[in-house]
């Protein structure tokens, strides 16, 4: 059950990695929603780490969910996880959603994007942007449907802009400032549409 506020700002916790933290995207989201946004992110982190109380991140997340009252918790998996380790992603999402709901918050899946066409890392994975996008979309849709959660489909917004170079940082994986602004906008809209 989501707590309804009369005066207090929305409380949002974001669990993710550098795709969440890049360009101060949580600050952009806070401004979009006039909310307080808290971040548990580490470069390269997977959601499985957020579940593991033996890791610094996992202990921090467990304590935050037990002791704080968030309205929404945003889940962001490692960049290609939903495409290359779908079952692991779905399992981590399922377990986190259970804990988030027990804490009284509403989970939100932050569906990220395929790497920029021609990105060297994607070439090493043996796929192109369209294939990576499709695999990720299948993973995100399955996680959202299985868990009945809000889907903030940033990856689709990147696709609608044809994976424009301007959305990516130089490495072709991370977002540029414009890409982070688009992510904040899509997440904010998904949350607004749920209220």
N, C-alpha and C. Protein backbone atom coordinates (compact mmCIF):
# COMPACT_ATOMS: atom_id res chain seq x y z
N UNK A 1 0.84 -1.18 0.00
CA UNK A 1 0.00 0.00 0.00
C UNK A 1 0.89 1.25 0.00
N UNK A 2 0.57 2.19 -0.83
CA UNK A 2 1.35 3.42 -0.94
C UNK A 2 0.81 4.45 0.04
N UNK A 3 1.73 5.06 0.77
CA UNK A 3 1.31 6.10 1.70
C UNK A 3 0.97 7.36 0.92
N UNK A 4 -0.11 7.98 1.24
CA UNK A 4 -0.51 9.23 0.60
C UNK A 4 -0.05 10.38 1.48
N UNK A 5 0.59 11.34 0.88
CA UNK A 5 1.12 12.48 1.62
C UNK A 5 0.24 13.71 1.38
N UNK A 6 0.09 14.51 2.41
CA UNK A 6 -0.60 15.77 2.23
C UNK A 6 0.42 16.90 2.10
N UNK A 7 1.50 16.86 2.89
CA UNK A 7 2.50 17.93 2.85
C UNK A 7 3.90 17.41 2.56
N UNK A 8 4.20 16.22 3.02
CA UNK A 8 5.55 15.69 2.88
C UNK A 8 5.84 15.33 1.43
N UNK A 9 7.09 15.53 1.03
CA UNK A 9 7.50 15.18 -0.33
C UNK A 9 7.53 13.67 -0.51
N UNK A 10 7.37 13.25 -1.76
CA UNK A 10 7.55 11.84 -2.09
C UNK A 10 8.95 11.41 -1.69
N UNK A 11 9.07 10.18 -1.21
CA UNK A 11 10.35 9.60 -0.84
C UNK A 11 10.64 8.48 -1.83
N UNK A 12 11.76 8.59 -2.54
CA UNK A 12 12.12 7.60 -3.56
C UNK A 12 13.52 7.08 -3.27
N UNK A 13 13.66 5.76 -3.31
CA UNK A 13 14.96 5.12 -3.20
C UNK A 13 15.29 4.51 -4.56
N UNK A 14 16.49 4.78 -5.06
CA UNK A 14 16.94 4.22 -6.33
C UNK A 14 18.05 3.21 -6.06
N UNK A 15 17.87 1.99 -6.56
CA UNK A 15 18.86 0.93 -6.43
C UNK A 15 19.43 0.67 -7.82
N UNK A 16 20.74 0.88 -7.99
CA UNK A 16 21.29 0.68 -9.32
C UNK A 16 22.79 0.78 -9.37
N UNK A 17 23.27 1.35 -10.45
CA UNK A 17 24.71 1.48 -10.68
C UNK A 17 24.99 2.80 -11.41
N UNK A 18 26.04 2.81 -12.21
CA UNK A 18 26.43 4.07 -12.86
C UNK A 18 25.38 4.58 -13.85
N UNK A 19 24.52 3.73 -14.37
CA UNK A 19 23.46 4.21 -15.26
C UNK A 19 22.44 5.04 -14.49
N UNK A 20 22.29 4.75 -13.21
CA UNK A 20 21.43 5.56 -12.34
C UNK A 20 22.15 6.83 -11.91
N UNK A 21 23.38 6.71 -11.47
CA UNK A 21 24.10 7.84 -10.88
C UNK A 21 24.65 8.84 -11.89
N UNK A 22 24.85 8.43 -13.13
CA UNK A 22 25.48 9.30 -14.14
C UNK A 22 24.78 10.64 -14.27
N UNK A 23 25.56 11.67 -14.39
CA UNK A 23 25.06 13.03 -14.65
C UNK A 23 24.09 13.53 -13.58
N UNK A 24 24.17 12.95 -12.40
CA UNK A 24 23.29 13.34 -11.29
C UNK A 24 21.81 13.16 -11.65
N UNK A 25 21.52 12.07 -12.36
CA UNK A 25 20.13 11.81 -12.77
C UNK A 25 19.15 11.78 -11.61
N UNK A 26 19.51 11.23 -10.42
CA UNK A 26 18.55 11.27 -9.32
C UNK A 26 18.16 12.70 -8.91
N UNK A 27 19.08 13.64 -9.06
CA UNK A 27 18.76 15.05 -8.78
C UNK A 27 17.74 15.56 -9.80
N UNK A 28 17.92 15.17 -11.06
CA UNK A 28 16.95 15.55 -12.10
C UNK A 28 15.57 14.99 -11.78
N UNK A 29 15.53 13.72 -11.34
CA UNK A 29 14.26 13.08 -10.99
C UNK A 29 13.62 13.79 -9.80
N UNK A 30 14.42 14.14 -8.81
CA UNK A 30 13.91 14.85 -7.63
C UNK A 30 13.25 16.16 -8.04
N UNK A 31 13.87 16.88 -8.96
CA UNK A 31 13.31 18.15 -9.43
C UNK A 31 12.03 17.92 -10.22
N UNK A 32 12.02 16.89 -11.06
CA UNK A 32 10.82 16.59 -11.87
C UNK A 32 9.60 16.32 -11.01
N UNK A 33 9.82 15.62 -9.89
CA UNK A 33 8.70 15.18 -9.05
C UNK A 33 8.56 15.97 -7.75
N UNK A 34 9.45 16.94 -7.53
CA UNK A 34 9.51 17.63 -6.25
C UNK A 34 9.54 16.59 -5.12
N UNK A 35 10.52 15.70 -5.22
CA UNK A 35 10.63 14.56 -4.31
C UNK A 35 12.00 14.55 -3.65
N UNK A 36 12.12 13.73 -2.62
CA UNK A 36 13.43 13.43 -2.03
C UNK A 36 13.85 12.10 -2.60
N UNK A 37 15.03 12.07 -3.22
CA UNK A 37 15.52 10.85 -3.85
C UNK A 37 16.82 10.42 -3.18
N UNK A 38 16.86 9.16 -2.78
CA UNK A 38 18.02 8.56 -2.13
C UNK A 38 18.57 7.50 -3.08
N UNK A 39 19.88 7.34 -3.10
CA UNK A 39 20.50 6.47 -4.09
C UNK A 39 21.45 5.47 -3.44
N UNK A 40 21.28 4.20 -3.81
CA UNK A 40 22.23 3.15 -3.47
C UNK A 40 22.75 2.64 -4.81
N UNK A 41 23.90 3.13 -5.24
CA UNK A 41 24.45 2.77 -6.54
C UNK A 41 25.96 2.65 -6.46
N UNK A 42 26.46 1.69 -7.22
CA UNK A 42 27.89 1.47 -7.35
C UNK A 42 28.12 1.02 -8.78
N UNK A 43 29.15 1.55 -9.42
CA UNK A 43 29.44 1.18 -10.80
C UNK A 43 29.50 -0.32 -10.98
N UNK A 44 28.76 -0.84 -11.96
CA UNK A 44 28.76 -2.26 -12.27
C UNK A 44 27.88 -3.12 -11.38
N UNK A 45 27.20 -2.53 -10.40
CA UNK A 45 26.39 -3.32 -9.47
C UNK A 45 25.19 -3.97 -10.17
N UNK A 46 24.88 -5.15 -9.71
CA UNK A 46 23.67 -5.86 -10.15
C UNK A 46 22.66 -5.83 -9.00
N UNK A 47 21.40 -6.08 -9.33
CA UNK A 47 20.38 -6.12 -8.28
C UNK A 47 20.67 -7.23 -7.27
N UNK A 48 21.33 -8.30 -7.70
CA UNK A 48 21.67 -9.39 -6.77
C UNK A 48 22.52 -8.87 -5.62
N UNK A 49 23.35 -7.87 -5.88
CA UNK A 49 24.17 -7.29 -4.81
C UNK A 49 23.31 -6.57 -3.79
N UNK A 50 22.22 -5.94 -4.25
CA UNK A 50 21.31 -5.23 -3.35
C UNK A 50 20.60 -6.21 -2.41
N UNK A 51 20.52 -7.47 -2.81
CA UNK A 51 19.86 -8.51 -2.01
C UNK A 51 20.79 -9.15 -0.99
N UNK A 52 22.07 -9.04 -1.20
CA UNK A 52 23.03 -9.78 -0.39
C UNK A 52 23.45 -8.97 0.84
N UNK A 53 22.96 -9.34 2.03
CA UNK A 53 23.29 -8.57 3.23
C UNK A 53 24.76 -8.65 3.62
N UNK A 54 25.52 -9.54 2.99
CA UNK A 54 26.95 -9.65 3.27
C UNK A 54 27.79 -8.65 2.48
N UNK A 55 27.15 -7.92 1.56
CA UNK A 55 27.85 -6.86 0.83
C UNK A 55 27.49 -5.52 1.46
N UNK A 56 28.35 -4.55 1.26
CA UNK A 56 28.08 -3.21 1.80
C UNK A 56 26.76 -2.67 1.24
N UNK A 57 26.57 -2.83 -0.07
CA UNK A 57 25.35 -2.33 -0.72
C UNK A 57 24.11 -3.06 -0.21
N UNK A 58 24.21 -4.39 -0.11
CA UNK A 58 23.07 -5.18 0.34
C UNK A 58 22.68 -4.86 1.78
N UNK A 59 23.67 -4.68 2.65
CA UNK A 59 23.39 -4.33 4.05
C UNK A 59 22.73 -2.96 4.13
N UNK A 60 23.21 -2.04 3.34
CA UNK A 60 22.65 -0.69 3.31
C UNK A 60 21.20 -0.71 2.82
N UNK A 61 20.94 -1.48 1.77
CA UNK A 61 19.58 -1.57 1.23
C UNK A 61 18.63 -2.24 2.20
N UNK A 62 19.06 -3.34 2.83
CA UNK A 62 18.20 -4.03 3.80
C UNK A 62 17.83 -3.10 4.95
N UNK A 63 18.81 -2.38 5.45
CA UNK A 63 18.56 -1.44 6.55
C UNK A 63 17.62 -0.32 6.11
N UNK A 64 17.82 0.20 4.92
CA UNK A 64 16.97 1.29 4.42
C UNK A 64 15.51 0.84 4.28
N UNK A 65 15.30 -0.36 3.76
CA UNK A 65 13.93 -0.85 3.59
C UNK A 65 13.27 -1.14 4.93
N UNK A 66 14.04 -1.52 5.93
CA UNK A 66 13.48 -1.81 7.25
C UNK A 66 13.18 -0.54 8.04
N UNK A 67 14.02 0.48 7.88
CA UNK A 67 13.95 1.65 8.77
C UNK A 67 13.37 2.91 8.16
N UNK A 68 13.14 2.91 6.87
CA UNK A 68 12.62 4.12 6.23
C UNK A 68 11.30 3.84 5.55
N UNK A 69 10.61 4.89 5.21
CA UNK A 69 9.30 4.74 4.60
C UNK A 69 9.31 5.42 3.24
N UNK A 70 9.69 4.64 2.23
CA UNK A 70 9.72 5.16 0.86
C UNK A 70 8.37 4.96 0.21
N UNK A 71 8.06 5.85 -0.71
CA UNK A 71 6.85 5.68 -1.51
C UNK A 71 7.13 4.78 -2.70
N UNK A 72 8.32 4.97 -3.31
CA UNK A 72 8.71 4.19 -4.48
C UNK A 72 10.16 3.75 -4.33
N UNK A 73 10.46 2.56 -4.85
CA UNK A 73 11.83 2.08 -4.94
C UNK A 73 12.07 1.70 -6.39
N UNK A 74 13.06 2.34 -7.00
CA UNK A 74 13.37 2.16 -8.41
C UNK A 74 14.51 1.14 -8.55
N UNK A 75 14.28 0.11 -9.37
CA UNK A 75 15.23 -0.98 -9.55
C UNK A 75 15.91 -0.89 -10.92
N UNK A 76 17.23 -0.79 -10.93
CA UNK A 76 17.98 -0.74 -12.19
C UNK A 76 19.05 -1.82 -12.18
N UNK A 77 18.95 -2.74 -13.12
CA UNK A 77 19.91 -3.84 -13.24
C UNK A 77 21.15 -3.41 -14.01
N UNK A 78 22.23 -4.16 -13.86
CA UNK A 78 23.44 -3.93 -14.62
C UNK A 78 23.10 -3.84 -16.11
N UNK A 79 23.78 -2.99 -16.84
CA UNK A 79 23.42 -2.55 -18.19
C UNK A 79 22.88 -3.62 -19.13
N UNK A 80 23.53 -4.75 -19.28
CA UNK A 80 23.06 -5.75 -20.23
C UNK A 80 22.45 -6.97 -19.53
N UNK A 81 22.30 -6.93 -18.22
CA UNK A 81 21.79 -8.07 -17.45
C UNK A 81 20.49 -8.67 -17.97
N UNK A 82 19.47 -7.86 -18.24
CA UNK A 82 18.22 -8.44 -18.71
C UNK A 82 18.34 -9.15 -20.07
N UNK A 83 19.39 -8.82 -20.84
CA UNK A 83 19.60 -9.46 -22.14
C UNK A 83 20.51 -10.69 -22.04
N UNK A 84 21.49 -10.64 -21.15
CA UNK A 84 22.51 -11.70 -21.11
C UNK A 84 22.39 -12.62 -19.90
N UNK A 85 21.65 -12.23 -18.88
CA UNK A 85 21.46 -13.05 -17.67
C UNK A 85 20.02 -12.87 -17.19
N UNK A 86 19.08 -13.16 -18.09
CA UNK A 86 17.66 -12.87 -17.84
C UNK A 86 17.12 -13.57 -16.60
N UNK A 87 17.42 -14.84 -16.41
CA UNK A 87 16.86 -15.57 -15.26
C UNK A 87 17.40 -15.01 -13.95
N UNK A 88 18.67 -14.67 -13.92
CA UNK A 88 19.26 -14.06 -12.73
C UNK A 88 18.57 -12.73 -12.43
N UNK A 89 18.36 -11.94 -13.47
CA UNK A 89 17.67 -10.65 -13.33
C UNK A 89 16.26 -10.86 -12.79
N UNK A 90 15.52 -11.78 -13.37
CA UNK A 90 14.13 -12.01 -12.94
C UNK A 90 14.08 -12.49 -11.49
N UNK A 91 14.99 -13.35 -11.11
CA UNK A 91 15.04 -13.85 -9.73
C UNK A 91 15.33 -12.71 -8.74
N UNK A 92 16.31 -11.89 -9.06
CA UNK A 92 16.66 -10.75 -8.19
C UNK A 92 15.49 -9.78 -8.08
N UNK A 93 14.85 -9.51 -9.20
CA UNK A 93 13.71 -8.58 -9.20
C UNK A 93 12.60 -9.12 -8.32
N UNK A 94 12.28 -10.39 -8.49
CA UNK A 94 11.20 -11.02 -7.71
C UNK A 94 11.46 -10.88 -6.21
N UNK A 95 12.68 -11.17 -5.79
CA UNK A 95 13.02 -11.11 -4.37
C UNK A 95 13.02 -9.67 -3.85
N UNK A 96 13.53 -8.74 -4.63
CA UNK A 96 13.54 -7.34 -4.19
C UNK A 96 12.12 -6.78 -4.12
N UNK A 97 11.30 -7.11 -5.10
CA UNK A 97 9.91 -6.61 -5.11
C UNK A 97 9.19 -7.08 -3.84
N UNK A 98 9.40 -8.32 -3.45
CA UNK A 98 8.76 -8.83 -2.23
C UNK A 98 9.16 -7.98 -1.03
N UNK A 99 10.44 -7.73 -0.85
CA UNK A 99 10.90 -6.91 0.27
C UNK A 99 10.43 -5.47 0.20
N UNK A 100 10.39 -4.94 -0.99
CA UNK A 100 9.93 -3.55 -1.17
C UNK A 100 8.46 -3.42 -0.79
N UNK A 101 7.66 -4.36 -1.25
CA UNK A 101 6.23 -4.31 -0.91
C UNK A 101 6.01 -4.51 0.59
N UNK A 102 6.80 -5.38 1.20
CA UNK A 102 6.68 -5.58 2.65
C UNK A 102 7.02 -4.30 3.41
N UNK A 103 7.86 -3.45 2.83
CA UNK A 103 8.23 -2.19 3.47
C UNK A 103 7.17 -1.10 3.26
N UNK A 104 6.18 -1.38 2.40
CA UNK A 104 5.11 -0.42 2.14
C UNK A 104 5.35 0.47 0.93
N UNK A 105 6.40 0.20 0.17
CA UNK A 105 6.71 1.02 -1.01
C UNK A 105 6.23 0.32 -2.29
N UNK A 106 6.17 1.10 -3.34
CA UNK A 106 5.79 0.60 -4.66
C UNK A 106 7.05 0.45 -5.51
N UNK A 107 7.31 -0.74 -6.07
CA UNK A 107 8.49 -0.94 -6.91
C UNK A 107 8.30 -0.35 -8.31
N UNK A 108 9.40 0.12 -8.87
CA UNK A 108 9.42 0.65 -10.24
C UNK A 108 10.62 0.04 -10.95
N UNK A 109 10.39 -0.56 -12.11
CA UNK A 109 11.50 -1.09 -12.90
C UNK A 109 12.00 0.01 -13.84
N UNK A 110 13.27 0.33 -13.70
CA UNK A 110 13.95 1.29 -14.57
C UNK A 110 14.54 0.46 -15.71
N UNK A 111 13.81 0.42 -16.82
CA UNK A 111 14.23 -0.35 -17.99
C UNK A 111 15.22 0.47 -18.80
N UNK A 112 16.46 0.04 -18.80
CA UNK A 112 17.52 0.79 -19.46
C UNK A 112 17.58 0.46 -20.95
N UNK A 113 18.59 0.94 -21.62
CA UNK A 113 18.69 0.96 -23.08
C UNK A 113 19.75 0.01 -23.61
N UNK A 114 19.62 -0.29 -24.89
CA UNK A 114 20.68 -1.02 -25.59
C UNK A 114 21.86 -0.07 -25.79
N UNK A 115 23.04 -0.65 -25.91
CA UNK A 115 24.22 0.17 -26.18
C UNK A 115 24.08 0.83 -27.55
N UNK A 116 24.81 1.91 -27.74
CA UNK A 116 24.77 2.64 -29.00
C UNK A 116 25.24 1.73 -30.15
N UNK A 117 24.58 1.79 -31.30
CA UNK A 117 25.03 0.99 -32.44
C UNK A 117 26.52 1.22 -32.70
N UNK A 118 27.24 0.12 -32.89
CA UNK A 118 28.67 0.20 -33.13
C UNK A 118 29.52 0.20 -31.88
N UNK A 119 28.90 0.18 -30.71
CA UNK A 119 29.65 0.17 -29.45
C UNK A 119 30.51 -1.10 -29.39
N UNK A 120 31.78 -0.93 -29.10
CA UNK A 120 32.72 -2.06 -29.08
C UNK A 120 32.29 -3.16 -28.10
N UNK A 121 31.79 -2.78 -26.93
CA UNK A 121 31.38 -3.77 -25.94
C UNK A 121 30.23 -4.63 -26.47
N UNK A 122 29.29 -4.02 -27.19
CA UNK A 122 28.17 -4.77 -27.73
C UNK A 122 28.66 -5.73 -28.83
N UNK A 123 29.59 -5.27 -29.64
CA UNK A 123 30.15 -6.14 -30.66
C UNK A 123 30.79 -7.37 -30.03
N UNK A 124 31.47 -7.20 -28.88
CA UNK A 124 32.09 -8.33 -28.18
C UNK A 124 31.05 -9.30 -27.64
N UNK A 125 29.84 -8.79 -27.35
CA UNK A 125 28.76 -9.66 -26.87
C UNK A 125 28.09 -10.39 -28.03
N UNK A 126 28.42 -10.01 -29.27
CA UNK A 126 27.89 -10.70 -30.44
C UNK A 126 26.46 -10.35 -30.80
N UNK A 127 26.09 -9.10 -30.57
CA UNK A 127 24.74 -8.67 -30.95
C UNK A 127 24.78 -7.22 -31.41
N UNK A 128 23.70 -6.81 -32.08
CA UNK A 128 23.60 -5.41 -32.48
C UNK A 128 22.59 -4.72 -31.58
N UNK A 129 22.42 -3.42 -31.80
CA UNK A 129 21.55 -2.62 -30.92
C UNK A 129 20.11 -3.12 -30.94
N UNK A 130 19.59 -3.46 -32.11
CA UNK A 130 18.20 -3.94 -32.20
C UNK A 130 18.01 -5.24 -31.44
N UNK A 131 18.96 -6.18 -31.60
CA UNK A 131 18.84 -7.46 -30.90
C UNK A 131 18.94 -7.26 -29.39
N UNK A 132 19.89 -6.43 -28.96
CA UNK A 132 20.04 -6.16 -27.54
C UNK A 132 18.77 -5.50 -26.99
N UNK A 133 18.24 -4.55 -27.74
CA UNK A 133 17.01 -3.86 -27.32
C UNK A 133 15.87 -4.86 -27.15
N UNK A 134 15.69 -5.73 -28.13
CA UNK A 134 14.58 -6.70 -28.07
C UNK A 134 14.73 -7.64 -26.87
N UNK A 135 15.93 -8.16 -26.66
CA UNK A 135 16.16 -9.06 -25.53
C UNK A 135 15.91 -8.35 -24.20
N UNK A 136 16.37 -7.12 -24.10
CA UNK A 136 16.16 -6.36 -22.86
C UNK A 136 14.67 -6.08 -22.65
N UNK A 137 13.97 -5.72 -23.70
CA UNK A 137 12.54 -5.43 -23.58
C UNK A 137 11.77 -6.66 -23.12
N UNK A 138 12.15 -7.84 -23.63
CA UNK A 138 11.50 -9.08 -23.19
C UNK A 138 11.73 -9.28 -21.69
N UNK A 139 12.97 -9.11 -21.24
CA UNK A 139 13.28 -9.27 -19.82
C UNK A 139 12.53 -8.28 -18.94
N UNK A 140 12.52 -7.02 -19.34
CA UNK A 140 11.84 -6.00 -18.54
C UNK A 140 10.33 -6.25 -18.50
N UNK A 141 9.74 -6.58 -19.66
CA UNK A 141 8.30 -6.81 -19.72
C UNK A 141 7.91 -8.01 -18.85
N UNK A 142 8.72 -9.06 -18.90
CA UNK A 142 8.43 -10.25 -18.09
C UNK A 142 8.52 -9.91 -16.60
N UNK A 143 9.55 -9.17 -16.21
CA UNK A 143 9.70 -8.80 -14.80
C UNK A 143 8.53 -7.93 -14.34
N UNK A 144 8.11 -6.99 -15.17
CA UNK A 144 6.99 -6.11 -14.81
C UNK A 144 5.69 -6.89 -14.69
N UNK A 145 5.45 -7.79 -15.65
CA UNK A 145 4.21 -8.56 -15.65
C UNK A 145 4.17 -9.56 -14.50
N UNK A 146 5.26 -10.30 -14.31
CA UNK A 146 5.29 -11.31 -13.24
C UNK A 146 5.11 -10.70 -11.86
N UNK A 147 5.60 -9.49 -11.68
CA UNK A 147 5.57 -8.86 -10.36
C UNK A 147 4.53 -7.77 -10.22
N UNK A 148 3.79 -7.50 -11.31
CA UNK A 148 2.76 -6.47 -11.32
C UNK A 148 3.31 -5.14 -10.79
N UNK A 149 4.36 -4.66 -11.45
CA UNK A 149 5.02 -3.43 -11.02
C UNK A 149 5.02 -2.39 -12.13
N UNK A 150 5.32 -1.16 -11.74
CA UNK A 150 5.42 -0.04 -12.68
C UNK A 150 6.65 -0.25 -13.55
N UNK A 151 6.51 -0.01 -14.85
CA UNK A 151 7.63 -0.11 -15.78
C UNK A 151 7.93 1.28 -16.33
N UNK A 152 9.12 1.78 -16.04
CA UNK A 152 9.60 3.05 -16.60
C UNK A 152 10.51 2.69 -17.76
N UNK A 153 9.97 2.70 -18.97
CA UNK A 153 10.65 2.13 -20.12
C UNK A 153 11.55 3.14 -20.83
N UNK A 154 12.67 3.42 -20.20
CA UNK A 154 13.65 4.35 -20.76
C UNK A 154 14.27 3.77 -22.03
N UNK A 155 14.49 2.46 -22.06
CA UNK A 155 15.05 1.82 -23.24
C UNK A 155 14.21 2.04 -24.47
N UNK A 156 12.90 1.99 -24.31
CA UNK A 156 12.01 2.24 -25.46
C UNK A 156 12.09 3.70 -25.89
N UNK A 157 12.24 4.61 -24.93
CA UNK A 157 12.40 6.04 -25.28
C UNK A 157 13.70 6.26 -26.07
N UNK A 158 14.78 5.55 -25.69
CA UNK A 158 16.02 5.63 -26.46
C UNK A 158 15.79 5.07 -27.87
N UNK A 159 15.06 3.96 -27.97
CA UNK A 159 14.78 3.33 -29.27
C UNK A 159 13.96 4.25 -30.15
N UNK A 160 12.95 4.91 -29.55
CA UNK A 160 12.11 5.83 -30.32
C UNK A 160 12.92 6.97 -30.93
N UNK A 161 14.04 7.29 -30.28
CA UNK A 161 14.94 8.32 -30.82
C UNK A 161 16.07 7.69 -31.63
N UNK A 162 15.86 6.43 -32.03
CA UNK A 162 16.78 5.69 -32.88
C UNK A 162 18.19 5.62 -32.32
N UNK A 163 18.29 5.44 -31.00
CA UNK A 163 19.58 5.32 -30.33
C UNK A 163 20.51 6.47 -30.74
N UNK A 164 19.98 7.67 -30.73
CA UNK A 164 20.73 8.86 -31.17
C UNK A 164 22.03 9.01 -30.40
N UNK A 165 23.10 9.35 -31.12
CA UNK A 165 24.42 9.55 -30.49
C UNK A 165 24.34 10.51 -29.32
N UNK A 166 23.48 11.52 -29.42
CA UNK A 166 23.41 12.54 -28.37
C UNK A 166 22.91 11.99 -27.03
N UNK A 167 22.32 10.80 -27.02
CA UNK A 167 21.81 10.20 -25.78
C UNK A 167 22.90 9.46 -25.00
N UNK A 168 24.05 9.25 -25.64
CA UNK A 168 25.11 8.42 -25.06
C UNK A 168 26.35 9.22 -24.72
N UNK A 169 27.04 8.75 -23.68
CA UNK A 169 28.38 9.24 -23.38
C UNK A 169 29.33 8.66 -24.43
N UNK A 170 30.56 9.05 -24.37
CA UNK A 170 31.55 8.62 -25.36
C UNK A 170 31.71 7.11 -25.45
N UNK A 171 31.52 6.39 -24.33
CA UNK A 171 31.72 4.94 -24.35
C UNK A 171 30.61 4.16 -25.04
N UNK A 172 29.50 4.82 -25.38
CA UNK A 172 28.40 4.16 -26.07
C UNK A 172 27.52 3.31 -25.18
N UNK A 173 27.79 3.29 -23.88
CA UNK A 173 26.98 2.51 -22.93
C UNK A 173 26.28 3.40 -21.92
N UNK A 174 27.03 4.34 -21.37
CA UNK A 174 26.47 5.25 -20.36
C UNK A 174 25.69 6.37 -21.03
N UNK A 175 24.80 7.00 -20.29
CA UNK A 175 24.03 8.10 -20.87
C UNK A 175 24.83 9.40 -20.87
N UNK A 176 24.56 10.22 -21.85
CA UNK A 176 25.02 11.60 -21.83
C UNK A 176 24.11 12.37 -20.87
N UNK A 177 24.35 13.64 -20.69
CA UNK A 177 23.45 14.44 -19.86
C UNK A 177 22.04 14.42 -20.45
N UNK A 178 21.95 14.48 -21.77
CA UNK A 178 20.63 14.42 -22.44
C UNK A 178 19.97 13.07 -22.20
N UNK A 179 20.76 12.00 -22.25
CA UNK A 179 20.21 10.66 -21.98
C UNK A 179 19.72 10.52 -20.55
N UNK A 180 20.47 11.07 -19.60
CA UNK A 180 20.04 11.03 -18.20
C UNK A 180 18.78 11.85 -17.99
N UNK A 181 18.69 12.99 -18.66
CA UNK A 181 17.48 13.83 -18.55
C UNK A 181 16.27 13.08 -19.10
N UNK A 182 16.46 12.36 -20.20
CA UNK A 182 15.37 11.56 -20.76
C UNK A 182 14.97 10.46 -19.77
N UNK A 183 15.96 9.80 -19.16
CA UNK A 183 15.66 8.77 -18.17
C UNK A 183 14.86 9.33 -17.01
N UNK A 184 15.28 10.47 -16.48
CA UNK A 184 14.56 11.09 -15.36
C UNK A 184 13.13 11.41 -15.74
N UNK A 185 12.94 11.90 -16.95
CA UNK A 185 11.60 12.26 -17.43
C UNK A 185 10.70 11.04 -17.55
N UNK A 186 11.23 9.96 -18.11
CA UNK A 186 10.43 8.73 -18.28
C UNK A 186 10.08 8.13 -16.92
N UNK A 187 11.03 8.08 -16.01
CA UNK A 187 10.75 7.55 -14.67
C UNK A 187 9.73 8.42 -13.96
N UNK A 188 9.87 9.74 -14.05
CA UNK A 188 8.92 10.65 -13.42
C UNK A 188 7.51 10.45 -13.98
N UNK A 189 7.41 10.33 -15.30
CA UNK A 189 6.09 10.10 -15.91
C UNK A 189 5.47 8.78 -15.45
N UNK A 190 6.28 7.74 -15.35
CA UNK A 190 5.76 6.44 -14.89
C UNK A 190 5.22 6.54 -13.47
N UNK A 191 5.92 7.27 -12.62
CA UNK A 191 5.46 7.44 -11.24
C UNK A 191 4.22 8.33 -11.20
N UNK A 192 4.22 9.41 -11.93
CA UNK A 192 3.03 10.29 -11.97
C UNK A 192 1.79 9.53 -12.44
N UNK A 193 1.96 8.69 -13.44
CA UNK A 193 0.82 7.94 -13.98
C UNK A 193 0.30 6.90 -13.03
N UNK A 194 1.05 6.60 -11.98
CA UNK A 194 0.64 5.61 -10.98
C UNK A 194 -0.02 6.24 -9.77
N UNK A 195 0.09 7.55 -9.64
CA UNK A 195 -0.41 8.22 -8.42
C UNK A 195 -1.89 8.51 -8.50
